[in-house]
Amino acid sequence: MNIRNMTAADIPFALRLKAQNNWNQIDADWHRQLQLEPAGCFVAELPSPPTPLPGGEGSVPVGTACACVFGNIAWINFVLVDQAHRGKGIGSALMKHVIQYLDERGVASIRLDATPLGQPVYTKLGFVGEFTLERYEGVLPQSESDHYLPRREGGARVVPLAPDDLPAVIAMDEAVTGTRRERLLRRLFEEAPGNALKYAPGGEFKGYCLWRPGSNAWHIGPLQGSVGAGLHLLSHVARRLTGQRVYIDVPKAHEVACIIAESLGLTLQRPFLRMCRGESVVEREHLHLFWASFGPEKG
């Protein structure tokens, strides 16, 4: 097996792998990952079957794995192996390669969101569980009478996020997650400034929400802020995406966020266990302000 750096030319292969798993990512998600961490994206290859044709020898891609570094904290993501080549240790080899890349950079904390199937594999590699997130999915209701979120009010409490708000967003995100994700947040806003709201009663910044398209559903998150921010922002996003299928990944310990997700008619799809290898981050997080994560790729 050979493991090499990924390029944009590998994205069609990566999209084929994610389709095998019915993941929600689209082309833009892979391009974003490559831009944020070009040296941390990898493809595993196996020798191609010999052919009688000249030049028929070569290699075929069989798996991917990526990392994204935010200061002293990194996220591992997009660990995928072609269905035809599973059970050959490819996923484990890719994981070890990414971990080595991060260790060589001196990253203190390596995090990921694991499905129940992946948890035993990650445990063997030194990852420890921190807390559970629950993915809710479903079609948002057409009528406000179908949920319990605040009705639209006259005051301009929820308004579009502006470029001048990004420093406040970045500061809140760092306070909530213990991670400086400025590069990610600026990139998300640049991609779709119309998919970003803030909650600012009386002009005071209290929370924000971003959302983005996927191949199966819109993904709501990150969403952070006070109780009022969470309720009002979700109410506005639900109206923006009425009748659309959505995903939202909510910390299980955030009971209000889970109740609101259920009140919107969303159902539990599957859990994720947030895991960490190295220095724990969870002690620096503020989960009571953490309504919805970006997603398993980057927390």
Protein backbone atom coordinates (compact mmCIF):
# COMPACT_ATOMS: atom_id res chain seq x y z
CA MET A 1 0.00 0.00 0.00
CA ASN A 2 1.09 3.55 -0.76
CA ILE A 3 -0.26 6.62 1.05
CA ARG A 4 0.17 9.96 -0.70
CA ASN A 5 -1.16 13.49 -0.43
CA MET A 6 -4.60 14.17 -1.84
CA THR A 7 -5.15 16.71 -4.62
CA ALA A 8 -8.26 18.28 -6.12
CA ALA A 9 -8.10 15.62 -8.85
CA ASP A 10 -8.98 13.02 -6.17
CA ILE A 11 -12.25 14.68 -5.19
CA PRO A 12 -14.44 12.67 -7.64
CA PHE A 13 -13.02 9.47 -6.09
CA ALA A 14 -13.66 10.84 -2.58
CA LEU A 15 -17.25 11.69 -3.49
CA ARG A 16 -17.76 8.14 -4.74
CA LEU A 17 -16.57 6.79 -1.38
CA LYS A 18 -18.85 9.10 0.60
CA ALA A 19 -21.79 8.05 -1.61
CA GLN A 20 -21.10 4.40 -0.68
CA ASN A 21 -21.66 5.44 2.96
CA ASN A 22 -24.57 7.81 2.23
CA TRP A 23 -22.72 10.68 3.88
CA ASN A 24 -23.98 14.23 3.42
CA GLN A 25 -20.85 15.98 2.13
CA ILE A 26 -20.72 17.67 -1.26
CA ASP A 27 -17.92 18.85 -3.53
CA ALA A 28 -17.55 22.10 -1.59
CA ASP A 29 -16.80 20.24 1.65
CA TRP A 30 -13.81 18.47 0.12
CA HIS A 31 -12.49 21.64 -1.52
CA ARG A 32 -12.82 23.44 1.83
CA GLN A 33 -10.86 20.69 3.58
CA LEU A 34 -8.10 20.79 0.96
CA GLN A 35 -7.82 24.55 1.23
CA LEU A 36 -7.70 24.54 5.04
CA GLU A 37 -5.15 21.71 5.36
CA PRO A 38 -3.60 20.71 2.01
CA ALA A 39 -0.70 18.82 3.63
CA GLY A 40 -3.05 16.88 5.91
CA CYS A 41 -5.20 15.14 3.29
CA PHE A 42 -4.23 11.65 2.19
CA VAL A 43 -5.18 8.91 -0.28
CA ALA A 44 -4.28 5.23 0.07
CA GLU A 45 -3.45 3.33 -3.11
CA LEU A 46 -3.01 -0.32 -4.02
CA PRO A 47 -1.27 -1.68 -7.13
CA SER A 48 -3.71 -2.02 -9.99
CA PRO A 49 -4.28 -5.50 -11.43
CA PRO A 50 -1.78 -6.25 -14.21
CA THR A 51 -3.04 -5.84 -17.76
CA PRO A 52 -1.58 -6.96 -21.08
CA LEU A 53 -1.84 -3.42 -22.42
CA PRO A 54 1.23 -1.14 -22.58
CA GLY A 55 1.24 1.25 -19.66
CA GLY A 56 -1.39 -0.82 -17.89
CA GLU A 57 0.52 -0.95 -14.64
CA GLY A 58 -0.15 1.60 -11.95
CA SER A 59 -2.17 2.06 -8.80
CA VAL A 60 -5.79 2.52 -7.80
CA PRO A 61 -7.06 4.72 -4.94
CA VAL A 62 -8.83 2.77 -2.21
CA GLY A 63 -9.25 5.12 0.76
CA THR A 64 -9.01 8.63 2.18
CA ALA A 65 -8.27 10.30 5.51
CA CYS A 66 -7.78 13.95 6.39
CA ALA A 67 -6.90 16.21 9.29
CA CYS A 68 -7.51 19.88 9.99
CA VAL A 69 -5.32 21.71 12.50
CA PHE A 70 -6.51 24.64 14.58
CA GLY A 71 -3.53 25.75 16.63
CA ASN A 72 -2.79 23.00 19.15
CA ILE A 73 -5.99 21.04 18.38
CA ALA A 74 -6.72 18.94 15.30
CA TRP A 75 -9.69 17.09 13.86
CA ILE A 76 -9.46 13.85 11.90
CA ASN A 77 -12.14 13.43 9.24
CA PHE A 78 -13.14 11.83 5.94
CA VAL A 79 -11.77 8.40 6.89
CA LEU A 80 -13.26 6.29 4.09
CA VAL A 81 -12.35 2.96 2.48
CA ASP A 82 -13.73 1.60 -0.78
CA GLN A 83 -16.28 -1.14 -0.09
CA ALA A 84 -14.39 -3.55 -2.36
CA HIS A 85 -11.22 -3.22 -0.26
CA ARG A 86 -12.47 -3.24 3.32
CA GLY A 87 -11.07 -5.65 5.87
CA LYS A 88 -7.50 -5.23 4.61
CA GLY A 89 -6.29 -2.79 7.27
CA ILE A 90 -6.48 0.23 4.97
CA GLY A 91 -8.51 2.37 7.35
CA SER A 92 -6.18 1.64 10.26
CA ALA A 93 -3.12 2.41 8.11
CA LEU A 94 -4.64 5.73 7.06
CA MET A 95 -5.49 6.62 10.66
CA LYS A 96 -1.94 5.86 11.81
CA HIS A 97 -0.57 7.96 8.94
CA VAL A 98 -2.72 10.95 9.88
CA ILE A 99 -1.83 10.59 13.57
CA GLN A 100 1.86 10.50 12.66
CA TYR A 101 1.40 13.66 10.58
CA LEU A 102 -0.20 15.41 13.57
CA ASP A 103 2.32 14.07 16.09
CA GLU A 104 5.17 15.36 13.94
CA ARG A 105 3.52 18.79 14.02
CA GLY A 106 3.37 18.63 17.81
CA VAL A 107 -0.43 18.82 18.02
CA ALA A 108 -1.45 18.27 21.66
CA SER A 109 -5.09 17.22 21.14
CA ILE A 110 -6.48 15.12 18.29
CA ARG A 111 -10.28 14.90 18.18
CA LEU A 112 -12.92 13.12 16.12
CA ASP A 113 -16.62 12.21 16.25
CA ALA A 114 -16.96 8.42 16.13
CA THR A 115 -19.92 6.30 15.12
CA PRO A 116 -20.58 3.27 17.34
CA LEU A 117 -18.95 1.09 14.67
CA GLY A 118 -15.75 3.14 14.67
CA GLN A 119 -15.37 3.57 18.43
CA PRO A 120 -13.47 0.30 19.12
CA VAL A 121 -10.99 1.08 16.33
CA TYR A 122 -10.29 4.55 17.68
CA THR A 123 -10.02 3.28 21.26
CA LYS A 124 -7.20 0.96 20.18
CA LEU A 125 -5.40 3.99 18.73
CA GLY A 126 -5.51 5.83 22.05
CA PHE A 127 -8.69 7.88 21.71
CA VAL A 128 -10.87 8.42 24.80
CA GLY A 129 -14.58 9.28 24.80
CA GLU A 130 -15.58 12.77 26.00
CA PHE A 131 -19.29 13.28 25.35
CA THR A 132 -22.11 12.15 23.07
CA LEU A 133 -23.76 14.07 20.26
CA GLU A 134 -27.04 12.99 18.71
CA ARG A 135 -27.88 13.61 15.07
CA TYR A 136 -31.49 14.58 14.48
CA GLU A 137 -32.94 14.55 10.99
CA GLY A 138 -36.23 15.21 9.28
CA VAL A 139 -38.27 17.64 7.20
CA LEU A 140 -38.96 20.95 8.92
CA PRO A 141 -42.66 21.75 9.44
CA GLN A 142 -44.50 24.01 7.03
CA SER A 143 -46.42 25.81 9.79
CA GLU A 144 -45.24 27.52 12.97
CA SER A 145 -48.15 25.89 14.77
CA ASP A 146 -46.34 22.57 14.30
CA HIS A 147 -43.54 23.46 16.74
CA TYR A 148 -42.92 25.30 19.98
CA LEU A 149 -40.28 27.80 18.95
CA PRO A 150 -40.80 31.57 19.40
CA ARG A 151 -43.04 33.22 16.86
CA ARG A 152 -41.67 36.02 14.67
CA GLU A 153 -41.50 39.22 16.70
CA GLY A 154 -41.32 42.86 15.68
CA GLY A 155 -37.93 43.65 17.22
CA ALA A 156 -34.87 42.97 15.08
CA ARG A 157 -33.30 40.44 17.44
CA VAL A 158 -32.30 37.97 14.72
CA VAL A 159 -30.58 39.63 11.78
CA PRO A 160 -28.14 38.57 9.06
CA LEU A 161 -24.56 38.12 10.14
CA ALA A 162 -22.27 40.82 8.76
CA PRO A 163 -18.49 40.76 8.13
CA ASP A 164 -18.01 43.07 11.11
CA ASP A 165 -19.60 40.39 13.35
CA LEU A 166 -16.94 37.77 12.58
CA PRO A 167 -14.60 38.76 15.46
CA ALA A 168 -17.48 38.24 17.91
CA VAL A 169 -18.36 34.91 16.28
CA ILE A 170 -14.74 33.73 16.44
CA ALA A 171 -14.40 34.77 20.08
CA MET A 172 -17.61 33.01 21.09
CA ASP A 173 -16.65 29.86 19.20
CA GLU A 174 -13.28 29.75 20.95
CA ALA A 175 -14.92 30.25 24.34
CA VAL A 176 -17.50 27.51 23.66
CA THR A 177 -15.26 24.90 22.00
CA GLY A 178 -11.85 25.71 23.45
CA THR A 179 -10.57 25.85 19.85
CA ARG A 180 -9.51 28.77 17.67
CA ARG A 181 -11.42 27.90 14.47
CA GLU A 182 -11.10 31.32 12.82
CA ARG A 183 -9.99 29.92 9.45
CA LEU A 184 -13.01 27.61 9.25
CA LEU A 185 -15.57 30.21 10.32
CA ARG A 186 -14.29 32.86 7.92
CA ARG A 187 -14.30 30.34 5.08
CA LEU A 188 -17.89 29.28 5.83
CA PHE A 189 -19.08 32.89 5.88
CA GLU A 190 -17.25 33.71 2.64
CA GLU A 191 -18.86 30.70 0.93
CA ALA A 192 -22.44 31.60 1.86
CA PRO A 193 -22.94 34.88 3.76
CA GLY A 194 -26.68 34.49 3.26
CA ASN A 195 -26.68 31.33 5.40
CA ALA A 196 -25.64 33.07 8.61
CA LEU A 197 -27.67 34.78 11.34
CA LYS A 198 -26.93 36.41 14.68
CA TYR A 199 -29.06 37.01 17.75
CA ALA A 200 -28.48 40.52 19.07
CA PRO A 201 -31.22 41.88 21.35
CA GLY A 202 -30.66 45.56 21.89
CA GLY A 203 -27.65 45.36 19.59
CA GLU A 204 -25.76 43.05 21.98
CA PHE A 205 -24.26 39.94 20.34
CA LYS A 206 -25.64 36.84 22.10
CA GLY A 207 -25.26 34.05 19.55
CA TYR A 208 -25.04 32.99 15.93
CA CYS A 209 -25.97 30.18 13.55
CA LEU A 210 -24.61 28.97 10.21
CA TRP A 211 -26.04 26.33 7.91
CA ARG A 212 -24.92 24.75 4.64
CA PRO A 213 -26.24 22.45 1.90
CA GLY A 214 -25.54 18.73 1.70
CA SER A 215 -26.28 15.91 -0.72
CA ASN A 216 -29.01 14.50 1.57
CA ALA A 217 -30.04 17.44 3.74
CA TRP A 218 -29.19 20.93 4.92
CA HIS A 219 -26.82 20.81 7.89
CA ILE A 220 -27.62 23.30 10.67
CA GLY A 221 -24.57 24.33 12.67
CA PRO A 222 -22.51 25.56 14.26
CA LEU A 223 -25.07 27.20 16.52
CA GLN A 224 -23.87 28.79 19.75
CA GLY A 225 -25.17 31.24 22.30
CA SER A 226 -27.53 31.88 25.18
CA VAL A 227 -30.87 30.14 25.69
CA GLY A 228 -32.63 33.02 23.95
CA ALA A 229 -30.14 32.86 21.08
CA GLY A 230 -30.64 29.15 20.56
CA LEU A 231 -34.43 29.37 20.60
CA HIS A 232 -34.75 32.42 18.35
CA LEU A 233 -32.04 31.38 15.89
CA LEU A 234 -33.53 27.91 15.46
CA SER A 235 -36.95 29.50 14.96
CA HIS A 236 -35.63 31.70 12.14
CA VAL A 237 -33.61 28.93 10.48
CA ALA A 238 -36.67 26.64 10.63
CA ARG A 239 -38.66 29.29 8.76
CA ARG A 240 -35.85 29.76 6.21
CA LEU A 241 -35.70 26.02 5.54
CA THR A 242 -39.38 25.18 5.90
CA GLY A 243 -40.28 21.97 4.10
CA GLN A 244 -36.58 21.05 3.68
CA ARG A 245 -34.78 18.01 5.09
CA VAL A 246 -32.18 18.96 7.70
CA TYR A 247 -29.53 17.41 9.93
CA ILE A 248 -28.50 18.88 13.28
CA ASP A 249 -25.89 17.40 15.64
CA VAL A 250 -26.77 18.25 19.24
CA PRO A 251 -24.85 17.49 22.46
CA LYS A 252 -26.91 14.89 24.32
CA ALA A 253 -26.30 16.73 27.59
CA HIS A 254 -27.97 19.89 26.18
CA GLU A 255 -31.51 18.87 27.08
CA VAL A 256 -33.18 22.03 25.76
CA ALA A 257 -31.54 21.64 22.34
CA CYS A 258 -32.68 18.02 22.15
CA ILE A 259 -36.24 18.96 23.14
CA ILE A 260 -36.35 21.70 20.50
CA ALA A 261 -35.05 19.34 17.82
CA GLU A 262 -37.81 16.89 18.69
CA SER A 263 -40.42 19.67 18.76
CA LEU A 264 -39.50 20.43 15.15
CA GLY A 265 -40.50 16.87 14.24
CA LEU A 266 -36.90 15.70 13.85
CA THR A 267 -35.99 12.17 14.86
CA LEU A 268 -32.79 10.66 16.18
CA GLN A 269 -30.73 9.19 13.35
CA ARG A 270 -27.59 8.05 15.19
CA PRO A 271 -25.21 9.06 17.97
CA PHE A 272 -21.60 10.19 17.71
CA LEU A 273 -19.07 9.89 20.49
CA ARG A 274 -16.67 12.82 20.60
CA MET A 275 -13.26 11.34 21.29
CA CYS A 276 -9.82 12.79 21.97
CA ARG A 277 -6.26 11.51 21.84
CA GLY A 278 -3.81 13.49 23.95
CA GLU A 279 -4.64 16.51 26.09
CA SER A 280 -8.36 16.71 26.88
CA VAL A 281 -10.25 19.72 25.53
CA VAL A 282 -13.68 19.10 27.03
CA GLU A 283 -12.76 20.70 30.36
CA ARG A 284 -12.32 24.03 28.53
CA GLU A 285 -15.64 23.81 26.67
CA HIS A 286 -18.98 25.36 27.66
CA LEU A 287 -21.59 22.90 26.48
CA HIS A 288 -24.52 24.94 27.85
CA LEU A 289 -23.78 27.43 25.01
CA PHE A 290 -23.19 24.66 22.45
CA TRP A 291 -26.49 24.02 20.62
CA ALA A 292 -25.26 22.35 17.43
CA SER A 293 -21.85 21.34 16.08
CA PHE A 294 -20.40 22.08 12.68
CA GLY A 295 -20.47 18.34 12.08
CA PRO A 296 -18.24 15.30 12.51
CA GLU A 297 -15.56 16.72 10.21
CA LYS A 298 -14.45 19.63 12.40
CA GLY A 299 -16.42 19.64 15.61
